[in-house]
Amino acid sequence: MNMITTALYSFSNGAFIMIGVFALVCIAIVGAIFLLMGTDKSKKTNGDNSKET
């Protein structure tokens, strides 16, 4: 019986480009999360939620 070995992936079909695009997308997502964390505006400091009697 002949054993045929095939690779699960081939680097000749642009795999390096796809790895680079994936890395850029991951960096962009992490950057967007940090940007959204830095621009958090809470309304508690404005005094709108407190009611005086």
PDB file of N, CA and C in Angstrom:
ATOM      1  N   MET A   1       0.844  -1.188   0.000  1.00  0.00           N
ATOM      2  CA  MET A   1       0.000   0.000   0.000  1.00  0.00           C
ATOM      3  C   MET A   1       0.886   1.247   0.000  1.00  0.00           C
ATOM      4  N   ASN A   2       0.621   2.109  -0.926  1.00  0.00           N
ATOM      5  CA  ASN A   2       1.417   3.341  -1.040  1.00  0.00           C
ATOM      6  C   ASN A   2       0.869   4.411  -0.113  1.00  0.00           C
ATOM      7  N   MET A   3       1.762   5.038   0.627  1.00  0.00           N
ATOM      8  CA  MET A   3       1.371   6.127   1.521  1.00  0.00           C
ATOM      9  C   MET A   3       1.545   7.457   0.794  1.00  0.00           C
ATOM     10  N   ILE A   4       0.490   8.213   0.720  1.00  0.00           N
ATOM     11  CA  ILE A   4       0.543   9.531   0.088  1.00  0.00           C
ATOM     12  C   ILE A   4       0.481  10.576   1.201  1.00  0.00           C
ATOM     13  N   THR A   5       1.513  11.394   1.280  1.00  0.00           N
ATOM     14  CA  THR A   5       1.529  12.442   2.297  1.00  0.00           C
ATOM     15  C   THR A   5       1.268  13.781   1.620  1.00  0.00           C
ATOM     16  N   THR A   6       0.292  14.483   2.110  1.00  0.00           N
ATOM     17  CA  THR A   6      -0.016  15.821   1.606  1.00  0.00           C
ATOM     18  C   THR A   6       0.053  16.797   2.771  1.00  0.00           C
ATOM     19  N   ALA A   7       0.519  17.962   2.482  1.00  0.00           N
ATOM     20  CA  ALA A   7       0.630  18.989   3.512  1.00  0.00           C
ATOM     21  C   ALA A   7      -0.749  19.567   3.806  1.00  0.00           C
ATOM     22  N   LEU A   8      -0.941  19.977   5.042  1.00  0.00           N
ATOM     23  CA  LEU A   8      -2.208  20.590   5.410  1.00  0.00           C
ATOM     24  C   LEU A   8      -2.320  22.017   4.887  1.00  0.00           C
ATOM     25  N   TYR A   9      -1.217  22.645   4.605  1.00  0.00           N
ATOM     26  CA  TYR A   9      -1.201  23.997   4.064  1.00  0.00           C
ATOM     27  C   TYR A   9      -0.016  24.134   3.132  1.00  0.00           C
ATOM     28  N   SER A  10      -0.095  25.127   2.291  1.00  0.00           N
ATOM     29  CA  SER A  10       0.983  25.381   1.342  1.00  0.00           C
ATOM     30  C   SER A  10       1.368  26.853   1.433  1.00  0.00           C
ATOM     31  N   PHE A  11       2.656  27.105   1.625  1.00  0.00           N
ATOM     32  CA  PHE A  11       3.116  28.479   1.725  1.00  0.00           C
ATOM     33  C   PHE A  11       3.221  29.154   0.368  1.00  0.00           C
ATOM     34  N   SER A  12       3.005  28.435  -0.703  1.00  0.00           N
ATOM     35  CA  SER A  12       3.118  29.039  -2.033  1.00  0.00           C
ATOM     36  C   SER A  12       1.852  29.760  -2.456  1.00  0.00           C
ATOM     37  N   ASN A  13       0.771  29.593  -1.720  1.00  0.00           N
ATOM     38  CA  ASN A  13      -0.498  30.197  -2.121  1.00  0.00           C
ATOM     39  C   ASN A  13      -0.829  31.452  -1.317  1.00  0.00           C
ATOM     40  N   GLY A  14       0.150  32.220  -0.947  1.00  0.00           N
ATOM     41  CA  GLY A  14      -0.094  33.489  -0.260  1.00  0.00           C
ATOM     42  C   GLY A  14      -0.349  33.344   1.223  1.00  0.00           C
ATOM     43  N   ALA A  15       0.170  32.320   1.842  1.00  0.00           N
ATOM     44  CA  ALA A  15      -0.072  32.129   3.270  1.00  0.00           C
ATOM     45  C   ALA A  15       0.601  33.223   4.093  1.00  0.00           C
ATOM     46  N   PHE A  16       1.763  33.696   3.636  1.00  0.00           N
ATOM     47  CA  PHE A  16       2.440  34.773   4.368  1.00  0.00           C
ATOM     48  C   PHE A  16       1.614  36.053   4.328  1.00  0.00           C
ATOM     49  N   ILE A  17       0.953  36.321   3.220  1.00  0.00           N
ATOM     50  CA  ILE A  17       0.100  37.505   3.120  1.00  0.00           C
ATOM     51  C   ILE A  17      -1.093  37.373   4.051  1.00  0.00           C
ATOM     52  N   MET A  18      -1.687  36.199   4.102  1.00  0.00           N
ATOM     53  CA  MET A  18      -2.837  35.993   4.974  1.00  0.00           C
ATOM     54  C   MET A  18      -2.450  36.068   6.446  1.00  0.00           C
ATOM     55  N   ILE A  19      -1.259  35.592   6.799  1.00  0.00           N
ATOM     56  CA  ILE A  19      -0.778  35.713   8.182  1.00  0.00           C
ATOM     57  C   ILE A  19      -0.573  37.181   8.523  1.00  0.00           C
ATOM     58  N   GLY A  20      -0.030  37.954   7.594  1.00  0.00           N
ATOM     59  CA  GLY A  20       0.157  39.390   7.821  1.00  0.00           C
ATOM     60  C   GLY A  20      -1.156  40.132   7.969  1.00  0.00           C
ATOM     61  N   VAL A  21      -2.143  39.805   7.141  1.00  0.00           N
ATOM     62  CA  VAL A  21      -3.461  40.444   7.243  1.00  0.00           C
ATOM     63  C   VAL A  21      -4.116  40.086   8.571  1.00  0.00           C
ATOM     64  N   PHE A  22      -4.007  38.837   8.981  1.00  0.00           N
ATOM     65  CA  PHE A  22      -4.576  38.415  10.266  1.00  0.00           C
ATOM     66  C   PHE A  22      -3.918  39.151  11.424  1.00  0.00           C
ATOM     67  N   ALA A  23      -2.605  39.327  11.369  1.00  0.00           N
ATOM     68  CA  ALA A  23      -1.895  40.052  12.425  1.00  0.00           C
ATOM     69  C   ALA A  23      -2.338  41.513  12.471  1.00  0.00           C
ATOM     70  N   LEU A  24      -2.502  42.134  11.303  1.00  0.00           N
ATOM     71  CA  LEU A  24      -2.959  43.530  11.275  1.00  0.00           C
ATOM     72  C   LEU A  24      -4.370  43.679  11.824  1.00  0.00           C
ATOM     73  N   VAL A  25      -5.244  42.741  11.516  1.00  0.00           N
ATOM     74  CA  VAL A  25      -6.609  42.794  12.042  1.00  0.00           C
ATOM     75  C   VAL A  25      -6.606  42.636  13.554  1.00  0.00           C
ATOM     76  N   CYS A  26      -5.787  41.733  14.077  1.00  0.00           N
ATOM     77  CA  CYS A  26      -5.713  41.555  15.533  1.00  0.00           C
ATOM     78  C   CYS A  26      -5.181  42.813  16.215  1.00  0.00           C
ATOM     79  N   ILE A  27      -4.168  43.429  15.637  1.00  0.00           N
ATOM     80  CA  ILE A  27      -3.614  44.664  16.203  1.00  0.00           C
ATOM     81  C   ILE A  27      -4.649  45.784  16.148  1.00  0.00           C
ATOM     82  N   ALA A  28      -5.410  45.861  15.064  1.00  0.00           N
ATOM     83  CA  ALA A  28      -6.443  46.895  14.939  1.00  0.00           C
ATOM     84  C   ALA A  28      -7.555  46.698  15.963  1.00  0.00           C
ATOM     85  N   ILE A  29      -7.939  45.455  16.218  1.00  0.00           N
ATOM     86  CA  ILE A  29      -8.988  45.192  17.211  1.00  0.00           C
ATOM     87  C   ILE A  29      -8.513  45.566  18.604  1.00  0.00           C
ATOM     88  N   VAL A  30      -7.293  45.210  18.950  1.00  0.00           N
ATOM     89  CA  VAL A  30      -6.754  45.562  20.273  1.00  0.00           C
ATOM     90  C   VAL A  30      -6.627  47.074  20.403  1.00  0.00           C
ATOM     91  N   GLY A  31      -6.192  47.741  19.339  1.00  0.00           N
ATOM     92  CA  GLY A  31      -6.099  49.204  19.370  1.00  0.00           C
ATOM     93  C   GLY A  31      -7.457  49.866  19.528  1.00  0.00           C
ATOM     94  N   ALA A  32      -8.473  49.340  18.866  1.00  0.00           N
ATOM     95  CA  ALA A  32      -9.817  49.897  19.000  1.00  0.00           C
ATOM     96  C   ALA A  32     -10.359  49.706  20.408  1.00  0.00           C
ATOM     97  N   ILE A  33     -10.044  48.574  21.013  1.00  0.00           N
ATOM     98  CA  ILE A  33     -10.498  48.335  22.391  1.00  0.00           C
ATOM     99  C   ILE A  33      -9.844  49.324  23.349  1.00  0.00           C
ATOM    100  N   PHE A  34      -8.534  49.547  23.193  1.00  0.00           N
ATOM    101  CA  PHE A  34      -7.868  50.527  24.056  1.00  0.00           C
ATOM    102  C   PHE A  34      -8.374  51.937  23.796  1.00  0.00           C
ATOM    103  N   LEU A  35      -8.690  52.264  22.557  1.00  0.00           N
ATOM    104  CA  LEU A  35      -9.228  53.588  22.246  1.00  0.00           C
ATOM    105  C   LEU A  35     -10.592  53.785  22.882  1.00  0.00           C
ATOM    106  N   LEU A  36     -11.430  52.766  22.829  1.00  0.00           N
ATOM    107  CA  LEU A  36     -12.748  52.874  23.444  1.00  0.00           C
ATOM    108  C   LEU A  36     -12.654  52.899  24.964  1.00  0.00           C
ATOM    109  N   MET A  37     -11.672  52.231  25.532  1.00  0.00           N
ATOM    110  CA  MET A  37     -11.497  52.282  26.987  1.00  0.00           C
ATOM    111  C   MET A  37     -11.044  53.666  27.422  1.00  0.00           C
ATOM    112  N   GLY A  38     -10.263  54.344  26.609  1.00  0.00           N
ATOM    113  CA  GLY A  38      -9.760  55.656  26.983  1.00  0.00           C
ATOM    114  C   GLY A  38     -10.778  56.766  26.835  1.00  0.00           C
ATOM    115  N   THR A  39     -11.802  56.572  26.025  1.00  0.00           N
ATOM    116  CA  THR A  39     -12.794  57.620  25.788  1.00  0.00           C
ATOM    117  C   THR A  39     -14.079  57.361  26.544  1.00  0.00           C
ATOM    118  N   ASP A  40     -13.987  56.722  27.716  1.00  0.00           N
ATOM    119  CA  ASP A  40     -15.169  56.433  28.516  1.00  0.00           C
ATOM    120  C   ASP A  40     -15.628  57.710  29.215  1.00  0.00           C
ATOM    121  N   LYS A  41     -16.857  58.098  28.945  1.00  0.00           N
ATOM    122  CA  LYS A  41     -17.424  59.281  29.584  1.00  0.00           C
ATOM    123  C   LYS A  41     -18.583  58.839  30.472  1.00  0.00           C
ATOM    124  N   SER A  42     -18.442  59.076  31.755  1.00  0.00           N
ATOM    125  CA  SER A  42     -19.511  58.703  32.672  1.00  0.00           C
ATOM    126  C   SER A  42     -20.360  59.925  32.973  1.00  0.00           C
ATOM    127  N   LYS A  43     -21.660  59.728  33.096  1.00  0.00           N
ATOM    128  CA  LYS A  43     -22.580  60.830  33.369  1.00  0.00           C
ATOM    129  C   LYS A  43     -22.751  61.075  34.861  1.00  0.00           C
ATOM    130  N   LYS A  44     -22.097  60.272  35.686  1.00  0.00           N
ATOM    131  CA  LYS A  44     -22.230  60.446  37.126  1.00  0.00           C
ATOM    132  C   LYS A  44     -21.557  61.723  37.603  1.00  0.00           C
ATOM    133  N   THR A  45     -20.556  62.211  36.897  1.00  0.00           N
ATOM    134  CA  THR A  45     -19.851  63.416  37.321  1.00  0.00           C
ATOM    135  C   THR A  45     -20.636  64.670  36.984  1.00  0.00           C
ATOM    136  N   ASN A  46     -21.597  64.587  36.073  1.00  0.00           N
ATOM    137  CA  ASN A  46     -22.378  65.762  35.689  1.00  0.00           C
ATOM    138  C   ASN A  46     -23.446  66.107  36.710  1.00  0.00           C
ATOM    139  N   GLY A  47     -23.852  65.181  37.555  1.00  0.00           N
ATOM    140  CA  GLY A  47     -24.870  65.443  38.551  1.00  0.00           C
ATOM    141  C   GLY A  47     -26.273  65.253  38.011  1.00  0.00           C
ATOM    142  N   ASP A  48     -26.431  64.661  36.855  1.00  0.00           N
ATOM    143  CA  ASP A  48     -27.762  64.464  36.294  1.00  0.00           C
ATOM    144  C   ASP A  48     -28.560  63.391  37.026  1.00  0.00           C
ATOM    145  N   ASN A  49     -27.884  62.455  37.636  1.00  0.00           N
ATOM    146  CA  ASN A  49     -28.564  61.339  38.276  1.00  0.00           C
ATOM    147  C   ASN A  49     -28.991  61.643  39.707  1.00  0.00           C
ATOM    148  N   SER A  50     -28.504  62.715  40.281  1.00  0.00           N
ATOM    149  CA  SER A  50     -28.845  63.008  41.669  1.00  0.00           C
ATOM    150  C   SER A  50     -30.052  63.942  41.727  1.00  0.00           C
ATOM    151  N   LYS A  51     -31.003  63.580  42.561  1.00  0.00           N
ATOM    152  CA  LYS A  51     -32.214  64.392  42.722  1.00  0.00           C
ATOM    153  C   LYS A  51     -32.206  65.003  44.126  1.00  0.00           C
ATOM    154  N   GLU A  52     -32.403  66.288  44.202  1.00  0.00           N
ATOM    155  CA  GLU A  52     -32.433  66.967  45.496  1.00  0.00           C
ATOM    156  C   GLU A  52     -33.866  67.108  45.959  1.00  0.00           C
ATOM    157  N   THR A  53     -34.114  66.894  47.241  1.00  0.00           N
ATOM    158  CA  THR A  53     -35.469  67.014  47.785  1.00  0.00           C
ATOM    159  C   THR A  53     -35.612  68.234  48.620  1.00  0.00           C
TER     160      THR A  53
END
